[in-house]
């Protein structure tokens, strides 16, 4: 019964060969009875317009009679996001020319939802209050991991891979017990993401660096991330409880009884170090797409949440100073500064996933279905970036119709998505033209309509 429906659903769009292979590769981690639905759903996400609900996805994919089966499929997909995300990570490793050391970024972001029956939704702090100064919002919180990469022409960007839904402990009572959802803090969820990605990258022969903001610089996350074999880069509090290194024994002297010291006796004040005039150095760093000269000072210290020695870098800006650290004492100051600057790529991901793909608009209630639709948006973002990686600026966007715009500005993620849409529609048009000769005016009208649609 499944194959005739599959033929009817997938026949609306003829996707590029590489895209079809990638979709099938992602679906390989699902049950054979339903895996064919994932490529259909991805094409629906690509061509959806307006408010991007699940029904909009299905309408764009040409699904009609069996629409209910796709809602059941999404609920099952939510429980299999780890396997599909693993397939996607392997695809990225095979497709892109990545360096030996890879940088992953972890952060959390909210998506607004409406209605009391949305499972897992609650009131959270709003990181972007806007002009209305809306300090709180109702919705979901997603702890997300992205792979930060450097494009040879377009600079730093991130490829979102996987996310975990954070549900407040007091909200757990509203989730039906048959969902089998368990409570975990943001720190634990972030640690699980590191423990998921680290073995895959290790098997591929890569070294993993993790970049986090100050909210994740705490022992429950740091200890588990270090046990997984990752190096953590982060921002310290300005009043962080640092200590100097334990004193080394002089030659010929024996250590006393008890375990050797892990932390020094003397406290280190970051504020005093930053206020001192001596010890500052300069170095060129590539941050936010530009090469600038940074003024910094660096030193080794011991930090109890890490459980040992860290390298601290204090960066002096025009208006303030900022302390960063690395759990690898051998890391250079430039590497730490550039790595933390690349953390901003995940913020661009969050913007694109919400504004371009409409994350949070899907209007589903089941908590596992919510997990599936958010991952659908993440995976589409990464697949579009993979598809556009080796394409030129002219293939991805044409700003001749916008003379007021900067023609050399790098293509946005929306430009990349629209370029993929155009290629698919142009292929469909050329197929129709080859089957039967179409009038020139009809072809010109079709091209104008495609330009409006993308």
Protein backbone atom coordinates (compact mmCIF):
# COMPACT_ATOMS: atom_id res chain seq x y z
CA UNK A 1 0.00 0.00 0.00
CA UNK A 2 2.92 2.37 0.63
CA UNK A 3 4.52 2.46 -2.82
CA UNK A 4 1.58 3.85 -4.85
CA UNK A 5 1.18 6.67 -2.33
CA UNK A 6 4.90 7.32 -2.48
CA UNK A 7 4.77 7.63 -6.26
CA UNK A 8 1.89 10.09 -6.09
CA UNK A 9 3.58 12.20 -3.39
CA UNK A 10 7.08 12.43 -4.78
CA UNK A 11 6.12 12.93 -8.39
CA UNK A 12 5.40 16.64 -8.05
CA UNK A 13 9.07 17.72 -8.04
CA UNK A 14 12.13 16.23 -9.70
CA UNK A 15 15.01 17.10 -7.37
CA UNK A 16 18.71 17.24 -8.37
CA UNK A 17 20.64 13.99 -8.37
CA UNK A 18 22.93 14.90 -5.46
CA UNK A 19 19.97 16.13 -3.42
CA UNK A 20 18.10 12.86 -4.05
CA UNK A 21 21.13 10.84 -2.93
CA UNK A 22 21.50 12.91 0.25
CA UNK A 23 17.81 12.57 1.11
CA UNK A 24 17.97 8.81 0.70
CA UNK A 25 21.14 8.69 2.80
CA UNK A 26 19.44 10.54 5.67
CA UNK A 27 16.42 8.28 5.47
CA UNK A 28 18.61 5.17 5.73
CA UNK A 29 18.53 5.49 9.51
CA UNK A 30 14.74 5.06 9.60
CA UNK A 31 12.48 2.03 9.37
CA UNK A 32 12.26 0.68 5.82
CA UNK A 33 8.47 0.88 5.82
CA UNK A 34 8.40 4.66 6.31
CA UNK A 35 11.79 5.98 5.25
CA UNK A 36 10.54 7.03 1.82
CA UNK A 37 8.42 9.73 3.46
CA UNK A 38 11.44 11.77 4.60
CA UNK A 39 12.58 12.87 1.08
CA UNK A 40 8.99 13.83 0.27
CA UNK A 41 8.76 15.87 3.44
CA UNK A 42 12.08 17.63 2.75
CA UNK A 43 10.86 18.73 -0.68
CA UNK A 44 7.70 20.07 0.92
CA UNK A 45 9.76 22.08 3.42
CA UNK A 46 11.82 23.49 0.56
CA UNK A 47 8.85 24.75 -1.49
CA UNK A 48 6.53 25.79 1.34
CA UNK A 49 5.39 29.42 1.29
CA UNK A 50 3.58 31.67 3.72
CA UNK A 51 3.06 30.38 7.24
CA UNK A 52 5.03 27.16 7.28
CA UNK A 53 2.75 24.75 9.08
CA UNK A 54 3.03 21.01 8.51
CA UNK A 55 -0.03 21.16 6.24
CA UNK A 56 1.80 23.80 4.15
CA UNK A 57 4.73 21.38 3.81
CA UNK A 58 2.43 18.59 2.70
CA UNK A 59 0.58 20.81 0.24
CA UNK A 60 3.86 21.92 -1.34
CA UNK A 61 4.99 18.29 -1.63
CA UNK A 62 1.77 17.27 -3.35
CA UNK A 63 0.52 15.13 -0.45
CA UNK A 64 -3.25 15.03 -0.11
CA UNK A 65 -5.04 11.73 0.55
CA UNK A 66 -2.50 10.24 2.96
CA UNK A 67 -1.73 13.42 4.92
CA UNK A 68 -2.57 11.77 8.25
CA UNK A 69 0.15 9.16 7.75
CA UNK A 70 2.74 11.94 7.64
CA UNK A 71 1.68 13.21 11.05
CA UNK A 72 2.18 9.70 12.44
CA UNK A 73 5.51 9.58 10.63
CA UNK A 74 6.63 12.84 12.25
CA UNK A 75 5.86 11.49 15.71
CA UNK A 76 8.02 8.44 14.94
CA UNK A 77 10.73 10.61 13.37
CA UNK A 78 11.02 12.61 16.59
CA UNK A 79 12.27 9.50 18.36
CA UNK A 80 14.85 8.84 15.62
CA UNK A 81 16.45 12.27 15.35
CA UNK A 82 19.76 10.97 16.71
CA UNK A 83 20.18 8.39 13.95
CA UNK A 84 19.23 10.84 11.19
CA UNK A 85 21.54 13.51 12.65
CA UNK A 86 24.36 10.95 12.70
CA UNK A 87 23.74 10.23 9.04
CA UNK A 88 23.84 13.96 8.31
CA UNK A 89 27.12 14.41 10.19
CA UNK A 90 28.73 11.58 8.24
CA UNK A 91 27.43 13.16 5.02
CA UNK A 92 29.05 16.49 5.96
CA UNK A 93 32.35 14.76 6.73
CA UNK A 94 32.30 12.98 3.37
CA UNK A 95 31.18 15.96 1.28
CA UNK A 96 33.17 18.95 2.54
CA UNK A 97 36.97 19.42 2.65
CA UNK A 98 37.19 19.86 6.41
CA UNK A 99 40.35 20.50 8.46
CA UNK A 100 41.80 18.10 10.99
CA UNK A 101 40.43 20.12 13.90
CA UNK A 102 36.69 20.77 13.86
CA UNK A 103 34.84 23.43 15.81
CA UNK A 104 31.35 22.76 17.13
CA UNK A 105 29.16 25.43 18.72
CA UNK A 106 26.50 24.80 21.37
CA UNK A 107 23.86 27.31 22.42
CA UNK A 108 20.13 27.43 23.13
CA UNK A 109 17.36 29.39 21.46
CA UNK A 110 13.59 29.76 21.98
CA UNK A 111 10.80 29.31 19.46
CA UNK A 112 7.47 30.97 20.18
CA UNK A 113 4.38 28.80 20.43
CA UNK A 114 0.72 29.43 21.22
CA UNK A 115 -1.88 27.39 23.08
CA UNK A 116 -1.96 25.54 26.41
CA UNK A 117 -1.99 22.08 24.80
CA UNK A 118 1.49 22.33 23.24
CA UNK A 119 3.53 19.75 25.13
CA UNK A 120 6.81 20.97 26.62
CA UNK A 121 6.06 24.67 26.08
CA UNK A 122 6.36 27.12 28.96
CA UNK A 123 7.34 30.69 29.79
CA UNK A 124 11.05 31.39 29.21
CA UNK A 125 13.30 34.41 29.18
CA UNK A 126 13.29 36.19 25.82
CA UNK A 127 16.87 36.80 24.57
CA UNK A 128 15.62 39.33 21.98
CA UNK A 129 13.04 41.55 23.71
CA UNK A 130 12.73 43.94 20.76
CA UNK A 131 11.14 47.41 20.82
CA UNK A 132 8.23 46.15 22.94
CA UNK A 133 10.68 45.05 25.66
CA UNK A 134 9.06 41.61 25.88
CA UNK A 135 11.16 40.03 28.62
CA UNK A 136 9.48 36.63 28.48
CA UNK A 137 7.93 34.42 25.82
CA UNK A 138 5.86 31.25 25.71
CA UNK A 139 7.36 28.41 23.71
CA UNK A 140 10.15 25.85 23.51
CA UNK A 141 13.86 26.05 24.29
CA UNK A 142 16.23 24.16 21.99
CA UNK A 143 19.80 23.29 22.98
CA UNK A 144 21.44 23.07 19.56
CA UNK A 145 24.81 21.96 18.23
CA UNK A 146 26.22 23.26 14.94
CA UNK A 147 29.45 22.60 13.09
CA UNK A 148 31.30 25.87 12.44
CA UNK A 149 33.20 25.83 9.13
CA UNK A 150 35.09 28.34 6.99
CA UNK A 151 33.88 28.68 3.41
CA UNK A 152 36.73 29.56 1.02
CA UNK A 153 34.75 32.49 -0.47
CA UNK A 154 31.97 33.35 1.97
CA UNK A 155 33.76 33.07 5.32
CA UNK A 156 32.52 31.51 8.56
CA UNK A 157 29.17 29.74 8.68
CA UNK A 158 27.63 26.97 10.76
CA UNK A 159 25.85 23.74 9.84
CA UNK A 160 23.18 22.82 12.43
CA UNK A 161 23.09 19.10 13.13
CA UNK A 162 21.00 18.23 16.16
CA UNK A 163 19.02 19.78 19.01
CA UNK A 164 17.53 18.71 22.31
CA UNK A 165 14.36 20.14 23.79
CA UNK A 166 14.69 21.59 27.28
CA UNK A 167 11.55 21.20 29.38
CA UNK A 168 11.36 22.87 32.77
CA UNK A 169 10.97 20.50 35.70
CA UNK A 170 7.67 22.07 36.77
CA UNK A 171 6.34 21.54 33.22
CA UNK A 172 7.00 17.78 33.29
CA UNK A 173 3.66 17.15 35.02
CA UNK A 174 1.82 18.44 31.92
CA UNK A 175 3.46 15.90 29.59
CA UNK A 176 1.54 12.59 29.35
CA UNK A 177 3.50 9.74 30.96
CA UNK A 178 3.18 7.55 27.87
CA UNK A 179 5.46 9.98 26.00
CA UNK A 180 8.30 8.67 28.22
CA UNK A 181 9.94 12.06 28.42
CA UNK A 182 12.58 12.55 31.13
CA UNK A 183 13.81 15.77 32.70
CA UNK A 184 17.32 17.07 32.04
CA UNK A 185 18.94 20.46 32.57
CA UNK A 186 20.45 22.50 29.76
CA UNK A 187 23.93 21.56 30.95
CA UNK A 188 23.12 17.86 30.79
CA UNK A 189 21.55 18.21 27.35
CA UNK A 190 24.61 20.06 26.06
CA UNK A 191 26.87 17.35 27.51
CA UNK A 192 24.79 14.68 25.74
CA UNK A 193 25.28 16.49 22.44
CA UNK A 194 29.06 16.46 22.97
CA UNK A 195 28.97 12.78 23.91
CA UNK A 196 27.02 12.12 20.70
CA UNK A 197 29.28 13.98 18.28
CA UNK A 198 32.68 13.18 19.83
CA UNK A 199 32.85 9.43 18.98
CA UNK A 200 31.78 10.05 15.37
CA UNK A 201 34.47 12.68 14.82
CA UNK A 202 37.07 10.57 16.61
CA UNK A 203 36.30 7.65 14.30
CA UNK A 204 36.76 10.03 11.35
CA UNK A 205 40.20 11.04 12.68
CA UNK A 206 39.17 14.56 13.69
CA UNK A 207 39.94 16.65 16.77
CA UNK A 208 36.90 18.25 18.41
CA UNK A 209 36.76 21.75 19.91
CA UNK A 210 33.52 22.92 21.52
CA UNK A 211 32.65 26.61 21.87
CA UNK A 212 30.05 27.67 24.44
CA UNK A 213 28.88 30.89 26.03
CA UNK A 214 29.32 31.70 29.70
CA UNK A 215 26.07 30.00 30.70
CA UNK A 216 27.55 26.57 29.94
CA UNK A 217 30.89 27.13 31.70
CA UNK A 218 29.91 24.98 34.67
CA UNK A 219 31.15 21.70 36.06
CA UNK A 220 28.21 19.43 35.03
CA UNK A 221 28.89 20.26 31.38
CA UNK A 222 32.66 20.78 31.43
CA UNK A 223 33.56 17.54 33.20
CA UNK A 224 31.48 15.37 30.82
CA UNK A 225 32.73 17.23 27.74
CA UNK A 226 36.35 16.69 28.81
CA UNK A 227 35.71 12.99 29.47
CA UNK A 228 34.35 12.73 25.92
CA UNK A 229 37.71 13.97 24.61
CA UNK A 230 36.69 17.48 23.55
CA UNK A 231 38.49 20.76 24.14
CA UNK A 232 36.15 23.45 25.46
CA UNK A 233 36.46 27.14 24.57
CA UNK A 234 34.30 29.56 26.50
CA UNK A 235 33.89 32.88 28.23
CA UNK A 236 34.67 33.29 31.90
CA UNK A 237 32.86 35.39 34.45
CA UNK A 238 34.84 38.45 35.38
CA UNK A 239 34.77 37.25 38.99
CA UNK A 240 35.69 33.65 38.13
CA UNK A 241 37.39 31.81 41.01
CA UNK A 242 40.78 31.21 39.41
CA UNK A 243 43.92 30.12 41.17
CA UNK A 244 47.55 29.98 40.14
CA UNK A 245 49.41 26.77 39.30
CA UNK A 246 50.53 24.48 42.11
CA UNK A 247 54.16 25.02 43.05
CA UNK A 248 56.63 22.60 41.50
CA UNK A 249 58.99 20.71 43.79
CA UNK A 250 62.59 21.70 43.69
CA UNK A 251 65.05 19.17 42.41
CA UNK A 252 66.02 16.73 45.14
CA UNK A 253 63.05 17.47 47.41
CA UNK A 254 60.41 14.88 48.17
CA UNK A 255 56.69 15.53 48.14
CA UNK A 256 54.85 15.27 51.42
CA UNK A 257 52.04 12.92 52.32
CA UNK A 258 48.69 13.02 50.54
CA UNK A 259 47.64 13.65 46.97
CA UNK A 260 49.54 16.24 44.94
CA UNK A 261 47.92 19.65 44.60
CA UNK A 262 45.71 20.31 41.58
CA UNK A 263 45.13 23.98 42.32
CA UNK A 264 47.44 26.72 43.50
CA UNK A 265 47.21 28.46 46.86
CA UNK A 266 46.90 32.01 45.49
CA UNK A 267 43.72 33.47 43.98
CA UNK A 268 43.86 35.26 40.63
CA UNK A 269 41.80 38.40 40.11
CA UNK A 270 40.86 38.88 36.48
CA UNK A 271 39.94 42.51 37.13
CA UNK A 272 43.39 43.25 38.53
CA UNK A 273 45.09 41.42 35.66
CA UNK A 274 43.06 43.42 33.16
CA UNK A 275 43.79 46.73 34.91
CA UNK A 276 47.55 46.15 34.99
CA UNK A 277 49.41 48.02 32.26
CA UNK A 278 52.10 45.41 31.69
CA UNK A 279 51.87 42.11 29.84
CA UNK A 280 49.70 43.17 26.90
CA UNK A 281 50.43 41.75 23.44
CA UNK A 282 49.01 42.31 19.95
CA UNK A 283 48.24 39.82 17.20
CA UNK A 284 46.19 39.80 13.97
CA UNK A 285 43.00 37.73 14.29
CA UNK A 286 40.26 36.84 11.81
CA UNK A 287 36.99 37.59 13.56
CA UNK A 288 33.53 38.14 12.05
CA UNK A 289 34.95 37.96 8.52
CA UNK A 290 37.62 40.62 9.02
CA UNK A 291 41.28 40.58 10.02
CA UNK A 292 41.84 42.92 12.94
CA UNK A 293 44.56 43.47 15.52
CA UNK A 294 43.59 42.37 19.01
CA UNK A 295 45.19 43.55 22.26
CA UNK A 296 45.34 40.70 24.78
CA UNK A 297 47.23 39.10 27.63
CA UNK A 298 47.34 35.37 28.35
CA UNK A 299 48.40 33.16 31.22
CA UNK A 300 47.81 29.73 32.75
CA UNK A 301 45.55 29.20 35.75
CA UNK A 302 43.69 26.44 37.54
CA UNK A 303 39.90 26.33 37.58
CA UNK A 304 37.88 23.98 39.77
CA UNK A 305 34.90 23.43 37.36
CA UNK A 306 37.41 22.15 34.76
CA UNK A 307 39.37 20.17 37.29
CA UNK A 308 42.81 21.40 36.32
CA UNK A 309 44.83 23.84 34.25
CA UNK A 310 43.31 26.19 31.67
CA UNK A 311 44.66 28.91 29.43
CA UNK A 312 43.09 32.29 30.07
CA UNK A 313 43.00 35.09 27.47
CA UNK A 314 41.91 38.62 28.40
CA UNK A 315 40.97 40.71 25.36
CA UNK A 316 40.89 44.48 25.67
CA UNK A 317 38.31 46.25 23.50
CA UNK A 318 37.56 49.96 23.16
CA UNK A 319 34.78 49.89 25.73
CA UNK A 320 35.56 46.92 28.01
CA UNK A 321 37.64 43.77 28.56
CA UNK A 322 36.53 40.16 28.15
CA UNK A 323 38.03 36.96 29.62
CA UNK A 324 38.08 33.72 27.61
CA UNK A 325 39.59 30.33 28.31
CA UNK A 326 40.54 26.99 26.79
CA UNK A 327 40.75 23.66 28.55
CA UNK A 328 43.80 22.92 26.39
CA UNK A 329 46.75 24.84 27.91
CA UNK A 330 48.66 24.47 24.64
CA UNK A 331 46.08 26.45 22.65
CA UNK A 332 47.31 29.84 21.49
CA UNK A 333 45.59 33.12 22.27
CA UNK A 334 44.80 33.71 18.59
CA UNK A 335 43.15 30.28 18.28
CA UNK A 336 40.99 30.96 21.34
CA UNK A 337 39.94 34.42 20.15
CA UNK A 338 39.08 33.23 16.64
CA UNK A 339 37.23 30.16 17.92
CA UNK A 340 35.04 32.18 20.25
CA UNK A 341 34.32 34.70 17.49
CA UNK A 342 33.04 31.82 15.33
CA UNK A 343 30.46 31.14 18.03
CA UNK A 344 28.42 33.91 16.40
CA UNK A 345 27.72 31.61 13.44
CA UNK A 346 25.15 29.68 15.45
CA UNK A 347 23.26 32.93 16.09
CA UNK A 348 22.95 33.32 12.32
CA UNK A 349 21.70 29.74 12.18
CA UNK A 350 18.97 30.52 14.69
CA UNK A 351 17.94 33.56 12.63
CA UNK A 352 17.81 31.61 9.38
CA UNK A 353 16.01 28.60 10.85
CA UNK A 354 13.27 30.87 12.19
CA UNK A 355 13.03 33.51 9.45
CA UNK A 356 13.81 31.42 6.35
CA UNK A 357 12.42 28.01 7.33
CA UNK A 358 9.78 29.12 9.85
CA UNK A 359 10.82 27.14 12.92
CA UNK A 360 8.07 27.39 15.53
CA UNK A 361 5.28 27.85 12.98
CA UNK A 362 4.44 24.17 12.48
CA UNK A 363 1.53 24.13 14.98
CA UNK A 364 1.89 20.60 16.37
CA UNK A 365 1.22 19.50 19.95
CA UNK A 366 2.89 16.11 20.44
CA UNK A 367 6.30 16.66 22.03
CA UNK A 368 7.99 14.12 19.72
CA UNK A 369 6.37 15.72 16.68
CA UNK A 370 7.71 19.09 17.84
CA UNK A 371 11.17 17.54 18.02
CA UNK A 372 10.80 16.18 14.47
CA UNK A 373 9.63 19.42 12.83
CA UNK A 374 12.38 21.50 14.47
CA UNK A 375 14.98 19.02 13.22
CA UNK A 376 13.43 19.14 9.77
CA UNK A 377 14.22 22.85 9.66
CA UNK A 378 17.77 22.25 10.95
CA UNK A 379 18.49 19.53 8.41
CA UNK A 380 17.12 21.58 5.52
CA UNK A 381 19.46 24.43 6.50
CA UNK A 382 22.49 22.12 6.41
CA UNK A 383 21.48 20.36 3.19
CA UNK A 384 21.02 23.67 1.37
CA UNK A 385 24.45 24.82 2.56
CA UNK A 386 26.00 21.56 1.32
CA UNK A 387 24.30 21.93 -2.05
CA UNK A 388 25.54 25.51 -2.48
CA UNK A 389 29.09 24.94 -1.19
CA UNK A 390 30.83 24.63 -4.57
CA UNK A 391 28.58 27.02 -6.48
CA UNK A 392 29.67 30.48 -7.48
CA UNK A 393 28.26 33.79 -6.35
CA UNK A 394 26.51 34.28 -9.69
CA UNK A 395 24.81 30.88 -9.50
CA UNK A 396 23.40 31.56 -6.05
CA UNK A 397 22.07 35.09 -6.42
CA UNK A 398 21.47 37.76 -9.05
CA UNK A 399 21.18 41.26 -7.67
CA UNK A 400 20.86 42.99 -11.03
CA UNK A 401 17.19 43.60 -10.22
CA UNK A 402 18.27 45.34 -7.01
CA UNK A 403 20.77 48.03 -8.06
CA UNK A 404 20.56 49.62 -4.61
CA UNK A 405 22.01 46.46 -3.06
CA UNK A 406 25.70 45.56 -2.77
CA UNK A 407 26.42 43.24 -5.67
CA UNK A 408 29.42 41.70 -3.89
CA UNK A 409 27.60 40.91 -0.66
CA UNK A 410 27.79 37.22 0.10
CA UNK A 411 24.64 35.24 -0.72
CA UNK A 412 22.36 34.87 2.25
CA UNK A 413 20.89 31.55 3.25
CA UNK A 414 17.60 32.63 1.66
CA UNK A 415 19.51 33.27 -1.59
CA UNK A 416 20.92 29.76 -1.46
CA UNK A 417 17.50 28.24 -0.84
CA UNK A 418 15.98 30.24 -3.69
CA UNK A 419 18.77 29.13 -6.02
CA UNK A 420 17.93 25.50 -5.29
CA UNK A 421 14.26 26.20 -5.92
CA UNK A 422 15.09 27.84 -9.25
CA UNK A 423 17.24 24.92 -10.38
CA UNK A 424 14.46 22.43 -9.66
CA UNK A 425 11.79 24.52 -11.40
CA UNK A 426 14.04 25.22 -14.39
CA UNK A 427 14.69 21.51 -14.70
CA UNK A 428 10.95 20.85 -14.67
CA UNK A 429 10.42 23.53 -17.34
CA UNK A 430 13.19 22.19 -19.57
CA UNK A 431 11.70 18.70 -19.28
CA UNK A 432 8.33 20.00 -20.43
CA UNK A 433 9.93 21.96 -23.27
CA UNK A 434 11.82 18.89 -24.45
CA UNK A 435 8.69 16.72 -24.42
CA UNK A 436 6.75 19.15 -26.57
CA UNK A 437 7.68 22.46 -28.19
CA UNK A 438 6.38 25.32 -26.05
CA UNK A 439 5.75 28.82 -27.44
CA UNK A 440 8.45 31.36 -26.69
CA UNK A 441 6.01 33.63 -24.85
CA UNK A 442 4.99 30.78 -22.57
CA UNK A 443 8.65 30.12 -21.70
CA UNK A 444 9.29 33.80 -21.01
CA UNK A 445 6.21 33.99 -18.81
CA UNK A 446 7.34 30.87 -16.90
CA UNK A 447 10.77 32.41 -16.25
CA UNK A 448 9.20 35.63 -14.99
CA UNK A 449 6.93 33.68 -12.66
CA UNK A 450 9.91 31.72 -11.34
CA UNK A 451 11.75 34.97 -10.67
CA UNK A 452 8.78 36.20 -8.65
CA UNK A 453 8.50 32.91 -6.77
CA UNK A 454 12.16 32.89 -5.71
